Amino acid sequence: KKNHDLLLTAYGVAATGSILAFSRTHESEADFIGIRYAARAGYDPRAAITFWEKMAKEGSGPKGPAFLSTHPSPDRRIADLQGWMQQTLPLYEAARRRQQLK
């Protein structure tokens, strides 16, 4: 009985951890898709970095362990967004040029 309970607990922890990591992956993917859509629509993708910097400052209270989070931390999001600027800024600049031609 004791080994069975231990096995079920270990399985639950492992399953939860993998599901949460999967959720964070989906959130990051959604951030990347969203930032590209915004850039193509003519919105400056750098504003997303500013937004998450403000969110990080506002949410400076106690946090639970990162492995239990369903969302990437603001710091992780900022780092990801900064890494995506090389891909998204040209989309933004192209959209701005198209808007200026109208």
N, C-alpha and C. Protein backbone atom coordinates (compact mmCIF):
# COMPACT_ATOMS: atom_id res chain seq x y z
N LYS A 1 0.84 -1.21 0.00
CA LYS A 1 0.00 0.00 0.00
C LYS A 1 0.87 1.25 0.00
N LYS A 2 1.89 1.27 0.87
CA LYS A 2 2.75 2.44 0.98
C LYS A 2 3.51 2.69 -0.33
N ASN A 3 4.05 1.64 -0.94
CA ASN A 3 4.76 1.79 -2.22
C ASN A 3 3.81 2.24 -3.31
N HIS A 4 2.58 1.72 -3.29
CA HIS A 4 1.56 2.11 -4.28
C HIS A 4 1.25 3.59 -4.16
N ASP A 5 1.07 4.08 -2.92
CA ASP A 5 0.79 5.50 -2.71
C ASP A 5 1.96 6.37 -3.16
N LEU A 6 3.17 5.91 -2.86
CA LEU A 6 4.36 6.65 -3.26
C LEU A 6 4.46 6.72 -4.78
N LEU A 7 4.17 5.61 -5.44
CA LEU A 7 4.20 5.55 -6.90
C LEU A 7 3.16 6.50 -7.50
N LEU A 8 1.96 6.50 -6.94
CA LEU A 8 0.91 7.40 -7.44
C LEU A 8 1.28 8.86 -7.22
N THR A 9 1.88 9.16 -6.09
CA THR A 9 2.31 10.53 -5.81
C THR A 9 3.39 10.96 -6.79
N ALA A 10 4.37 10.09 -7.00
CA ALA A 10 5.46 10.41 -7.95
C ALA A 10 4.90 10.60 -9.35
N TYR A 11 3.97 9.76 -9.76
CA TYR A 11 3.36 9.90 -11.08
C TYR A 11 2.62 11.23 -11.19
N GLY A 12 1.87 11.58 -10.14
CA GLY A 12 1.13 12.84 -10.14
C GLY A 12 2.04 14.05 -10.26
N VAL A 13 3.14 14.03 -9.52
CA VAL A 13 4.10 15.14 -9.58
C VAL A 13 4.72 15.23 -10.97
N ALA A 14 5.13 14.09 -11.51
CA ALA A 14 5.76 14.08 -12.84
C ALA A 14 4.78 14.54 -13.92
N ALA A 15 3.55 14.04 -13.84
CA ALA A 15 2.54 14.41 -14.85
C ALA A 15 2.23 15.90 -14.76
N THR A 16 2.07 16.40 -13.55
CA THR A 16 1.78 17.82 -13.37
C THR A 16 2.92 18.68 -13.89
N GLY A 17 4.15 18.29 -13.56
CA GLY A 17 5.31 19.06 -14.02
C GLY A 17 5.41 19.10 -15.54
N SER A 18 5.13 17.97 -16.18
CA SER A 18 5.22 17.96 -17.65
C SER A 18 4.08 18.74 -18.28
N ILE A 19 2.91 18.69 -17.69
CA ILE A 19 1.77 19.46 -18.22
C ILE A 19 2.03 20.95 -18.07
N LEU A 20 2.57 21.37 -16.91
CA LEU A 20 2.84 22.78 -16.69
C LEU A 20 3.91 23.29 -17.65
N ALA A 21 4.94 22.48 -17.87
CA ALA A 21 5.98 22.89 -18.82
C ALA A 21 5.39 23.03 -20.21
N PHE A 22 4.49 22.12 -20.56
CA PHE A 22 3.82 22.18 -21.86
C PHE A 22 2.99 23.46 -21.95
N SER A 23 2.31 23.84 -20.86
CA SER A 23 1.53 25.06 -20.83
C SER A 23 2.42 26.28 -21.05
N ARG A 24 3.59 26.30 -20.40
CA ARG A 24 4.52 27.42 -20.58
C ARG A 24 5.00 27.48 -22.03
N THR A 25 5.22 26.33 -22.63
CA THR A 25 5.64 26.29 -24.04
C THR A 25 4.55 26.88 -24.92
N HIS A 26 3.30 26.51 -24.65
CA HIS A 26 2.19 27.06 -25.43
C HIS A 26 2.08 28.57 -25.24
N GLU A 27 2.27 29.04 -24.02
CA GLU A 27 2.21 30.48 -23.76
C GLU A 27 3.30 31.21 -24.54
N SER A 28 4.50 30.66 -24.55
CA SER A 28 5.60 31.29 -25.30
C SER A 28 5.30 31.31 -26.79
N GLU A 29 4.74 30.21 -27.28
CA GLU A 29 4.38 30.15 -28.69
C GLU A 29 3.31 31.19 -29.01
N ALA A 30 2.36 31.35 -28.12
CA ALA A 30 1.30 32.35 -28.33
C ALA A 30 1.89 33.76 -28.32
N ASP A 31 2.85 34.00 -27.43
CA ASP A 31 3.52 35.30 -27.41
C ASP A 31 4.19 35.58 -28.75
N PHE A 32 4.88 34.58 -29.27
CA PHE A 32 5.60 34.75 -30.54
C PHE A 32 4.63 35.01 -31.69
N ILE A 33 3.56 34.25 -31.74
CA ILE A 33 2.55 34.46 -32.80
C ILE A 33 1.92 35.84 -32.66
N GLY A 34 1.58 36.21 -31.43
CA GLY A 34 0.93 37.50 -31.19
C GLY A 34 1.81 38.68 -31.57
N ILE A 35 3.09 38.58 -31.23
CA ILE A 35 4.00 39.69 -31.52
C ILE A 35 4.19 39.84 -33.03
N ARG A 36 4.17 38.73 -33.75
CA ARG A 36 4.29 38.82 -35.21
C ARG A 36 3.02 39.42 -35.82
N TYR A 37 1.85 39.00 -35.34
CA TYR A 37 0.61 39.60 -35.85
C TYR A 37 0.58 41.10 -35.58
N ALA A 38 0.97 41.49 -34.36
CA ALA A 38 0.97 42.91 -34.01
C ALA A 38 1.92 43.69 -34.91
N ALA A 39 3.11 43.15 -35.14
CA ALA A 39 4.09 43.83 -35.99
C ALA A 39 3.56 43.98 -37.41
N ARG A 40 2.95 42.93 -37.93
CA ARG A 40 2.40 43.00 -39.30
C ARG A 40 1.26 44.00 -39.41
N ALA A 41 0.59 44.24 -38.29
CA ALA A 41 -0.51 45.21 -38.28
C ALA A 41 -0.01 46.64 -38.06
N GLY A 42 1.29 46.80 -37.89
CA GLY A 42 1.85 48.14 -37.73
C GLY A 42 2.05 48.58 -36.30
N TYR A 43 1.95 47.65 -35.35
CA TYR A 43 2.20 47.97 -33.94
C TYR A 43 3.65 47.65 -33.61
N ASP A 44 4.30 48.56 -32.93
CA ASP A 44 5.71 48.40 -32.59
C ASP A 44 5.87 47.23 -31.61
N PRO A 45 6.57 46.17 -32.00
CA PRO A 45 6.72 45.01 -31.13
C PRO A 45 7.53 45.31 -29.87
N ARG A 46 8.31 46.37 -29.88
CA ARG A 46 9.08 46.74 -28.68
C ARG A 46 8.17 47.14 -27.53
N ALA A 47 6.93 47.52 -27.84
CA ALA A 47 5.99 47.88 -26.78
C ALA A 47 5.67 46.67 -25.90
N ALA A 48 5.76 45.48 -26.45
CA ALA A 48 5.52 44.27 -25.65
C ALA A 48 6.58 44.11 -24.57
N ILE A 49 7.80 44.49 -24.88
CA ILE A 49 8.88 44.42 -23.89
C ILE A 49 8.59 45.40 -22.75
N THR A 50 8.20 46.61 -23.11
CA THR A 50 7.85 47.62 -22.11
C THR A 50 6.70 47.13 -21.24
N PHE A 51 5.69 46.53 -21.87
CA PHE A 51 4.55 46.00 -21.14
C PHE A 51 4.99 44.97 -20.10
N TRP A 52 5.83 44.01 -20.50
CA TRP A 52 6.25 42.96 -19.56
C TRP A 52 7.22 43.49 -18.52
N GLU A 53 7.97 44.54 -18.83
CA GLU A 53 8.80 45.17 -17.80
C GLU A 53 7.91 45.78 -16.72
N LYS A 54 6.81 46.42 -17.13
CA LYS A 54 5.86 46.98 -16.16
C LYS A 54 5.18 45.87 -15.36
N MET A 55 4.82 44.78 -16.04
CA MET A 55 4.19 43.66 -15.34
C MET A 55 5.14 43.05 -14.31
N ALA A 56 6.41 42.96 -14.66
CA ALA A 56 7.40 42.41 -13.73
C ALA A 56 7.53 43.30 -12.50
N LYS A 57 7.50 44.61 -12.73
CA LYS A 57 7.62 45.56 -11.62
C LYS A 57 6.38 45.49 -10.72
N GLU A 58 5.20 45.41 -11.32
CA GLU A 58 3.95 45.35 -10.55
C GLU A 58 3.81 44.05 -9.78
N GLY A 59 4.29 42.97 -10.37
CA GLY A 59 4.14 41.66 -9.73
C GLY A 59 5.37 41.26 -8.95
N SER A 60 5.94 42.20 -8.22
CA SER A 60 7.20 41.92 -7.52
C SER A 60 7.00 41.25 -6.17
N GLY A 61 5.80 40.80 -5.88
CA GLY A 61 5.53 40.12 -4.61
C GLY A 61 6.06 38.70 -4.61
N PRO A 62 5.74 37.95 -3.57
CA PRO A 62 6.23 36.56 -3.49
C PRO A 62 5.67 35.71 -4.62
N LYS A 63 6.52 34.83 -5.13
CA LYS A 63 6.13 33.96 -6.23
C LYS A 63 6.34 32.52 -5.81
N GLY A 64 5.55 31.65 -6.39
CA GLY A 64 5.73 30.23 -6.16
C GLY A 64 6.88 29.71 -7.00
N PRO A 65 7.19 28.43 -6.86
CA PRO A 65 8.26 27.85 -7.66
C PRO A 65 7.93 27.92 -9.15
N ALA A 66 8.93 28.23 -9.96
CA ALA A 66 8.73 28.39 -11.40
C ALA A 66 8.20 27.12 -12.04
N PHE A 67 8.61 25.95 -11.52
CA PHE A 67 8.17 24.70 -12.15
C PHE A 67 6.69 24.44 -11.93
N LEU A 68 6.04 25.18 -11.03
CA LEU A 68 4.60 25.03 -10.83
C LEU A 68 3.78 26.07 -11.58
N SER A 69 4.45 26.95 -12.29
CA SER A 69 3.76 28.03 -13.00
C SER A 69 3.24 27.54 -14.35
N THR A 70 2.05 28.01 -14.71
CA THR A 70 1.49 27.68 -16.03
C THR A 70 1.91 28.69 -17.09
N HIS A 71 2.55 29.77 -16.69
CA HIS A 71 2.96 30.82 -17.61
C HIS A 71 4.45 31.10 -17.43
N PRO A 72 5.11 31.53 -18.49
CA PRO A 72 6.51 31.94 -18.34
C PRO A 72 6.58 33.16 -17.43
N SER A 73 7.67 33.31 -16.72
CA SER A 73 7.85 34.49 -15.87
C SER A 73 7.98 35.72 -16.75
N PRO A 74 7.68 36.89 -16.20
CA PRO A 74 7.89 38.11 -16.99
C PRO A 74 9.32 38.24 -17.49
N ASP A 75 10.29 37.85 -16.66
CA ASP A 75 11.69 37.93 -17.10
C ASP A 75 11.95 37.02 -18.30
N ARG A 76 11.37 35.83 -18.29
CA ARG A 76 11.52 34.89 -19.41
C ARG A 76 10.85 35.47 -20.65
N ARG A 77 9.67 36.06 -20.46
CA ARG A 77 8.96 36.65 -21.60
C ARG A 77 9.75 37.81 -22.19
N ILE A 78 10.33 38.65 -21.34
CA ILE A 78 11.12 39.78 -21.82
C ILE A 78 12.31 39.27 -22.63
N ALA A 79 12.99 38.27 -22.11
CA ALA A 79 14.14 37.71 -22.82
C ALA A 79 13.73 37.12 -24.17
N ASP A 80 12.60 36.40 -24.18
CA ASP A 80 12.10 35.85 -25.44
C ASP A 80 11.77 36.96 -26.43
N LEU A 81 11.05 37.97 -25.96
CA LEU A 81 10.66 39.08 -26.83
C LEU A 81 11.88 39.78 -27.41
N GLN A 82 12.87 40.00 -26.57
CA GLN A 82 14.10 40.64 -27.06
C GLN A 82 14.75 39.78 -28.14
N GLY A 83 14.72 38.48 -27.96
CA GLY A 83 15.28 37.59 -28.96
C GLY A 83 14.50 37.57 -30.27
N TRP A 84 13.22 37.86 -30.19
CA TRP A 84 12.37 37.84 -31.38
C TRP A 84 12.38 39.16 -32.15
N MET A 85 12.99 40.19 -31.61
CA MET A 85 12.98 41.50 -32.27
C MET A 85 13.62 41.44 -33.65
N GLN A 86 14.65 40.66 -33.81
CA GLN A 86 15.32 40.57 -35.12
C GLN A 86 14.35 40.07 -36.19
N GLN A 87 13.39 39.24 -35.80
CA GLN A 87 12.39 38.72 -36.75
C GLN A 87 11.18 39.64 -36.88
N THR A 88 10.81 40.31 -35.80
CA THR A 88 9.56 41.07 -35.83
C THR A 88 9.72 42.53 -36.24
N LEU A 89 10.86 43.14 -35.96
CA LEU A 89 11.03 44.54 -36.35
C LEU A 89 10.93 44.74 -37.86
N PRO A 90 11.48 43.86 -38.70
CA PRO A 90 11.29 44.03 -40.15
C PRO A 90 9.81 43.95 -40.56
N LEU A 91 9.03 43.11 -39.88
CA LEU A 91 7.60 43.04 -40.18
C LEU A 91 6.91 44.35 -39.85
N TYR A 92 7.29 44.92 -38.71
CA TYR A 92 6.74 46.21 -38.28
C TYR A 92 7.13 47.31 -39.27
N GLU A 93 8.40 47.35 -39.63
CA GLU A 93 8.88 48.39 -40.56
C GLU A 93 8.20 48.28 -41.92
N ALA A 94 7.98 47.07 -42.39
CA ALA A 94 7.27 46.87 -43.67
C ALA A 94 5.83 47.35 -43.56
N ALA A 95 5.20 47.07 -42.45
CA ALA A 95 3.81 47.51 -42.25
C ALA A 95 3.73 49.02 -42.20
N ARG A 96 4.70 49.65 -41.54
CA ARG A 96 4.71 51.12 -41.46
C ARG A 96 4.91 51.73 -42.86
N ARG A 97 5.78 51.13 -43.66
CA ARG A 97 5.98 51.63 -45.03
C ARG A 97 4.69 51.53 -45.84
N ARG A 98 3.99 50.38 -45.69
CA ARG A 98 2.72 50.22 -46.42
C ARG A 98 1.70 51.26 -45.97
N GLN A 99 1.66 51.55 -44.69
CA GLN A 99 0.71 52.54 -44.16
C GLN A 99 1.04 53.94 -44.67
N GLN A 100 2.31 54.24 -44.84
CA GLN A 100 2.73 55.56 -45.32
C GLN A 100 2.39 55.74 -46.79
N LEU A 101 2.30 54.64 -47.53
CA LEU A 101 1.98 54.72 -48.96
C LEU A 101 0.50 54.95 -49.20
N LYS A 102 -0.31 54.73 -48.23
CA LYS A 102 -1.76 54.89 -48.39
C LYS A 102 -2.17 56.33 -48.43
